[in-house]
């Protein structure tokens, strides 16, 4: 029982971090209707900003997380204005081609700048506690708490703030939102920056648990797309639920069988969901 509890706690922790990545991706798609395949590169850049801030310079960990979030927000907003804004309203394949190019550029540049040697970010907390025979580190507890706080904060932001309501209006009907006086161009770069920032924070969180390399963004992108497809395009709640499902599969199946089987099972679950719910668990049909 303690082993299953251990896997369950690990699965929840993984699911929350996966959800952070996927929520950023689904926010970008929901507002702009583009495929941001370089989303994982924002995840990678966020981790490296924290690495140089905290591990190399010795500056405070949480200040580094905030700096990483702000910097990657700016990077995301800049990419939207320079590269994705001209593609607005065009075939979605154009954004796919541009984002694939970004993957190669950012990942390749990262290998030249950061090197190919794996690096690690020192944890901000140490120690842990036994829960029913399962060991839960304070680090994972803090990461889970931060992830929950960010998800709730984003949920409240989208439903209570003026900018959040504008983001939802643009996601629902951009033409009508524009007629109501909402500056859709401003909302686009805010949503793109916010989604990139969420990925960067997830990179900071996972960077303390895993080794970081310039190519780590690819797997993060795959995970994010799997979750978004599972939960439904454009749905924040769907991204959270999908992240928890994928986190549990990764934790339980990887521990009991193997990582390869966990990946196969994840795709099987996605196929089954799409058979019965073609738009995902909480998604809507897109034109």
Protein backbone atom coordinates (compact mmCIF):
# COMPACT_ATOMS: atom_id res chain seq x y z
CA UNK A 1 0.00 0.00 0.00
CA UNK A 2 2.84 2.39 0.78
CA UNK A 3 4.28 1.81 -2.69
CA UNK A 4 0.96 2.61 -4.38
CA UNK A 5 0.60 5.69 -2.18
CA UNK A 6 4.09 6.75 -3.21
CA UNK A 7 3.18 6.37 -6.88
CA UNK A 8 -0.05 8.28 -6.34
CA UNK A 9 1.67 11.22 -4.65
CA UNK A 10 4.33 11.31 -7.37
CA UNK A 11 1.62 11.15 -10.04
CA UNK A 12 -0.23 14.12 -8.56
CA UNK A 13 3.00 16.11 -8.41
CA UNK A 14 3.85 15.28 -12.03
CA UNK A 15 0.29 15.97 -13.16
CA UNK A 16 0.29 19.46 -11.69
CA UNK A 17 3.58 20.33 -13.40
CA UNK A 18 2.37 18.87 -16.69
CA UNK A 19 -0.81 20.92 -16.33
CA UNK A 20 1.21 24.14 -16.01
CA UNK A 21 2.84 23.47 -19.38
CA UNK A 22 -0.40 22.41 -21.05
CA UNK A 23 -2.48 25.30 -19.70
CA UNK A 24 -0.06 27.75 -21.28
CA UNK A 25 -0.35 25.95 -24.60
CA UNK A 26 -4.14 25.73 -24.51
CA UNK A 27 -4.36 29.43 -23.60
CA UNK A 28 -2.35 30.37 -26.67
CA UNK A 29 -4.40 28.14 -28.94
CA UNK A 30 -7.71 29.24 -27.45
CA UNK A 31 -7.02 32.91 -28.09
CA UNK A 32 -4.99 32.85 -31.32
CA UNK A 33 -5.95 29.53 -32.96
CA UNK A 34 -2.31 28.77 -33.73
CA UNK A 35 -0.14 25.74 -33.05
CA UNK A 36 2.80 26.85 -30.91
CA UNK A 37 5.10 23.86 -31.34
CA UNK A 38 8.00 25.76 -29.75
CA UNK A 39 6.14 25.90 -26.43
CA UNK A 40 8.57 23.38 -24.95
CA UNK A 41 11.44 25.71 -25.80
CA UNK A 42 9.90 28.32 -23.49
CA UNK A 43 9.90 25.59 -20.83
CA UNK A 44 13.59 24.96 -21.50
CA UNK A 45 14.56 28.65 -21.50
CA UNK A 46 12.74 29.19 -18.23
CA UNK A 47 14.75 26.41 -16.58
CA UNK A 48 18.06 27.81 -17.84
CA UNK A 49 17.27 31.34 -16.66
CA UNK A 50 16.76 29.96 -13.17
CA UNK A 51 19.90 27.81 -13.46
CA UNK A 52 22.18 30.76 -14.21
CA UNK A 53 20.40 32.98 -11.68
CA UNK A 54 20.41 30.52 -8.77
CA UNK A 55 23.12 27.91 -9.47
CA UNK A 56 25.71 30.10 -11.17
CA UNK A 57 25.17 33.50 -9.54
CA UNK A 58 23.90 32.21 -6.20
CA UNK A 59 20.93 34.58 -6.15
CA UNK A 60 17.65 33.72 -4.35
CA UNK A 61 15.70 30.82 -5.86
CA UNK A 62 12.20 32.30 -5.81
CA UNK A 63 13.39 35.63 -7.15
CA UNK A 64 14.91 33.63 -10.01
CA UNK A 65 11.57 31.96 -10.71
CA UNK A 66 9.94 35.40 -10.90
CA UNK A 67 12.70 36.74 -13.16
CA UNK A 68 12.37 33.69 -15.41
CA UNK A 69 8.60 34.15 -15.67
CA UNK A 70 8.94 37.84 -16.58
CA UNK A 71 11.73 37.30 -19.11
CA UNK A 72 9.97 34.46 -20.90
CA UNK A 73 6.72 36.46 -20.87
CA UNK A 74 8.61 39.15 -22.77
CA UNK A 75 10.12 36.57 -25.15
CA UNK A 76 6.68 35.09 -25.85
CA UNK A 77 5.09 38.49 -26.41
CA UNK A 78 7.92 39.48 -28.75
CA UNK A 79 7.57 36.26 -30.76
CA UNK A 80 3.86 36.86 -31.12
CA UNK A 81 4.30 40.42 -32.38
CA UNK A 82 7.18 39.68 -34.76
CA UNK A 83 6.37 36.19 -36.07
CA UNK A 84 2.83 35.08 -35.32
CA UNK A 85 0.87 38.33 -35.67
CA UNK A 86 1.35 38.40 -39.47
CA UNK A 87 -0.08 34.86 -39.60
CA UNK A 88 -3.30 35.71 -37.78
CA UNK A 89 -6.34 34.55 -39.72
CA UNK A 90 -4.31 32.43 -42.12
CA UNK A 91 -4.11 28.66 -42.43
CA UNK A 92 -3.00 27.03 -39.18
CA UNK A 93 -0.24 25.20 -41.04
CA UNK A 94 1.67 28.48 -41.42
CA UNK A 95 1.97 28.86 -37.66
CA UNK A 96 3.00 25.22 -37.43
CA UNK A 97 5.81 25.79 -39.92
CA UNK A 98 7.02 28.92 -38.10
CA UNK A 99 6.94 27.26 -34.68
CA UNK A 100 8.81 24.22 -36.01
CA UNK A 101 11.47 26.56 -37.28
CA UNK A 102 11.62 28.17 -33.85
CA UNK A 103 12.19 24.76 -32.28
CA UNK A 104 15.28 24.23 -34.41
CA UNK A 105 16.58 27.77 -33.90
CA UNK A 106 16.08 27.96 -30.14
CA UNK A 107 17.17 24.39 -29.43
CA UNK A 108 20.23 24.69 -31.65
CA UNK A 109 21.18 28.08 -30.21
CA UNK A 110 20.71 26.65 -26.72
CA UNK A 111 23.23 23.90 -27.41
CA UNK A 112 25.75 26.49 -28.61
CA UNK A 113 25.19 28.88 -25.69
CA UNK A 114 24.44 26.53 -22.78
CA UNK A 115 26.46 23.53 -23.95
CA UNK A 116 25.36 19.93 -24.19
CA UNK A 117 26.37 18.87 -20.67
CA UNK A 118 23.42 18.17 -18.39
CA UNK A 119 22.95 20.66 -15.55
CA UNK A 120 20.93 20.75 -12.36
CA UNK A 121 19.22 23.44 -10.30
CA UNK A 122 19.76 23.22 -6.52
CA UNK A 123 16.54 22.80 -4.56
CA UNK A 124 15.25 25.67 -2.45
CA UNK A 125 14.13 23.31 0.35
CA UNK A 126 15.33 20.01 1.73
CA UNK A 127 13.96 17.16 3.82
CA UNK A 128 10.61 15.45 3.68
CA UNK A 129 7.89 13.66 5.59
CA UNK A 130 6.44 10.13 5.73
CA UNK A 131 2.76 9.85 4.81
CA UNK A 132 1.32 6.38 5.32
CA UNK A 133 4.70 4.82 4.68
CA UNK A 134 5.32 6.90 1.54
CA UNK A 135 8.05 9.53 1.51
CA UNK A 136 7.12 12.96 0.21
CA UNK A 137 9.88 15.54 -0.02
CA UNK A 138 9.22 19.11 1.03
CA UNK A 139 10.47 20.10 -2.41
CA UNK A 140 7.65 18.23 -4.16
CA UNK A 141 5.15 19.58 -1.64
CA UNK A 142 6.23 23.15 -2.36
CA UNK A 143 6.19 22.55 -6.12
CA UNK A 144 2.67 21.10 -5.92
CA UNK A 145 1.47 24.02 -3.78
CA UNK A 146 2.97 26.57 -6.18
CA UNK A 147 1.45 24.78 -9.18
CA UNK A 148 -2.01 24.74 -7.56
CA UNK A 149 -1.71 28.40 -6.59
CA UNK A 150 -0.75 29.40 -10.14
CA UNK A 151 -3.56 27.40 -11.72
CA UNK A 152 -6.13 28.89 -9.32
CA UNK A 153 -4.69 32.38 -9.85
CA UNK A 154 -4.96 32.01 -13.62
CA UNK A 155 -8.52 30.68 -13.29
CA UNK A 156 -9.50 33.70 -11.16
CA UNK A 157 -7.65 36.08 -13.48
CA UNK A 158 -9.60 34.82 -16.49
CA UNK A 159 -12.94 35.14 -14.69
CA UNK A 160 -12.60 38.20 -12.47
CA UNK A 161 -10.20 40.66 -14.10
CA UNK A 162 -11.00 42.98 -17.00
CA UNK A 163 -8.07 41.65 -19.04
CA UNK A 164 -9.02 38.07 -18.23
CA UNK A 165 -12.58 38.63 -19.39
CA UNK A 166 -11.24 40.24 -22.56
CA UNK A 167 -9.07 37.15 -23.18
CA UNK A 168 -12.12 34.92 -22.79
CA UNK A 169 -14.15 37.14 -25.12
CA UNK A 170 -11.48 37.03 -27.83
CA UNK A 171 -11.17 33.27 -27.43
CA UNK A 172 -14.95 32.86 -27.76
CA UNK A 173 -15.62 35.25 -30.65
CA UNK A 174 -12.79 37.56 -31.81
CA UNK A 175 -14.93 39.48 -34.30
CA UNK A 176 -17.62 40.36 -31.77
CA UNK A 177 -14.95 41.17 -29.17
CA UNK A 178 -13.32 43.62 -31.59
CA UNK A 179 -16.70 45.27 -32.27
CA UNK A 180 -17.09 45.77 -28.52
CA UNK A 181 -13.87 47.78 -28.43
CA UNK A 182 -11.48 45.10 -27.23
CA UNK A 183 -8.01 45.50 -28.72
CA UNK A 184 -7.51 41.95 -30.00
CA UNK A 185 -3.89 42.58 -30.97
CA UNK A 186 -3.05 43.52 -27.37
CA UNK A 187 -4.91 40.48 -26.05
CA UNK A 188 -2.96 38.21 -28.42
CA UNK A 189 0.48 39.19 -27.14
CA UNK A 190 -0.71 39.14 -23.53
CA UNK A 191 -2.09 35.61 -23.94
CA UNK A 192 1.01 34.43 -25.79
CA UNK A 193 3.29 35.92 -23.15
CA UNK A 194 1.21 34.53 -20.30
CA UNK A 195 1.18 31.04 -21.82
CA UNK A 196 4.95 31.16 -22.35
CA UNK A 197 5.43 32.35 -18.78
CA UNK A 198 3.45 29.38 -17.43
CA UNK A 199 5.73 27.03 -19.38
CA UNK A 200 8.81 28.83 -18.00
CA UNK A 201 7.62 28.41 -14.40
CA UNK A 202 6.99 24.72 -15.05
CA UNK A 203 10.55 24.49 -16.37
CA UNK A 204 11.84 26.09 -13.16
CA UNK A 205 9.87 23.64 -11.03
CA UNK A 206 10.89 20.54 -12.95
CA UNK A 207 14.46 21.78 -13.32
CA UNK A 208 15.03 21.12 -9.63
CA UNK A 209 13.82 17.52 -9.99
CA UNK A 210 15.40 16.60 -13.33
CA UNK A 211 18.57 17.39 -15.24
CA UNK A 212 18.23 20.22 -17.72
CA UNK A 213 19.59 20.22 -21.27
CA UNK A 214 18.87 22.46 -24.28
CA UNK A 215 16.90 19.66 -25.97
CA UNK A 216 14.52 19.10 -23.04
CA UNK A 217 11.80 21.18 -24.68
CA UNK A 218 10.88 18.49 -27.21
CA UNK A 219 9.50 16.05 -24.63
CA UNK A 220 7.73 18.88 -22.81
CA UNK A 221 5.99 19.85 -26.06
CA UNK A 222 4.91 16.27 -26.70
CA UNK A 223 3.51 15.98 -23.17
CA UNK A 224 1.71 19.31 -23.50
CA UNK A 225 0.06 18.37 -26.80
CA UNK A 226 -0.97 14.98 -25.42
CA UNK A 227 -2.62 16.68 -22.45
CA UNK A 228 -4.32 19.37 -24.53
CA UNK A 229 -5.71 16.80 -26.97
CA UNK A 230 -6.87 14.66 -24.06
CA UNK A 231 -8.49 17.50 -22.12
CA UNK A 232 -9.78 19.47 -25.10
CA UNK A 233 -8.36 22.34 -27.13
CA UNK A 234 -8.87 25.68 -25.41
CA UNK A 235 -10.01 24.25 -22.06
CA UNK A 236 -8.03 25.17 -18.93
CA UNK A 237 -9.95 22.64 -16.82
CA UNK A 238 -9.32 20.02 -19.49
CA UNK A 239 -5.59 20.74 -19.37
CA UNK A 240 -5.61 20.25 -15.59
CA UNK A 241 -7.53 16.96 -15.78
CA UNK A 242 -5.43 15.74 -18.70
CA UNK A 243 -2.25 16.60 -16.82
CA UNK A 244 -3.38 14.60 -13.81
CA UNK A 245 -4.27 11.58 -15.98
CA UNK A 246 -0.91 11.68 -17.75
CA UNK A 247 0.96 12.23 -14.48
CA UNK A 248 -0.67 9.18 -12.91
CA UNK A 249 0.06 7.01 -15.94
CA UNK A 250 3.70 8.12 -15.98
CA UNK A 251 4.13 7.51 -12.25
CA UNK A 252 2.33 4.17 -11.88
CA UNK A 253 3.18 2.47 -15.16
CA UNK A 254 6.79 3.66 -15.28
CA UNK A 255 7.37 2.42 -11.74
CA UNK A 256 5.64 -0.94 -12.16
CA UNK A 257 6.49 -1.75 -15.78
CA UNK A 258 8.53 0.69 -17.89
CA UNK A 259 8.56 4.18 -19.35
CA UNK A 260 7.97 2.87 -22.88
CA UNK A 261 4.78 1.11 -21.82
CA UNK A 262 3.66 4.27 -20.02
CA UNK A 263 4.04 6.25 -23.25
CA UNK A 264 2.12 3.63 -25.23
CA UNK A 265 -0.67 3.54 -22.64
CA UNK A 266 -0.90 7.34 -22.70
CA UNK A 267 -1.59 7.27 -26.44
CA UNK A 268 -4.09 4.44 -26.01
CA UNK A 269 -5.99 6.57 -23.47
CA UNK A 270 -5.95 9.51 -25.88
CA UNK A 271 -7.30 7.34 -28.71
CA UNK A 272 -10.12 6.02 -26.51
CA UNK A 273 -11.07 9.52 -25.37
CA UNK A 274 -11.16 10.81 -28.96
CA UNK A 275 -13.35 7.88 -30.03
CA UNK A 276 -16.05 8.80 -27.53
CA UNK A 277 -15.26 12.52 -27.18
CA UNK A 278 -13.72 13.78 -30.46
CA UNK A 279 -13.25 17.28 -29.01
CA UNK A 280 -11.58 15.99 -25.83
CA UNK A 281 -12.96 15.69 -22.31
CA UNK A 282 -13.84 19.38 -21.88
CA UNK A 283 -13.16 20.81 -25.33
CA UNK A 284 -15.44 22.35 -27.91
CA UNK A 285 -15.68 21.80 -31.62
CA UNK A 286 -13.47 24.21 -33.60
CA UNK A 287 -14.10 25.29 -37.15
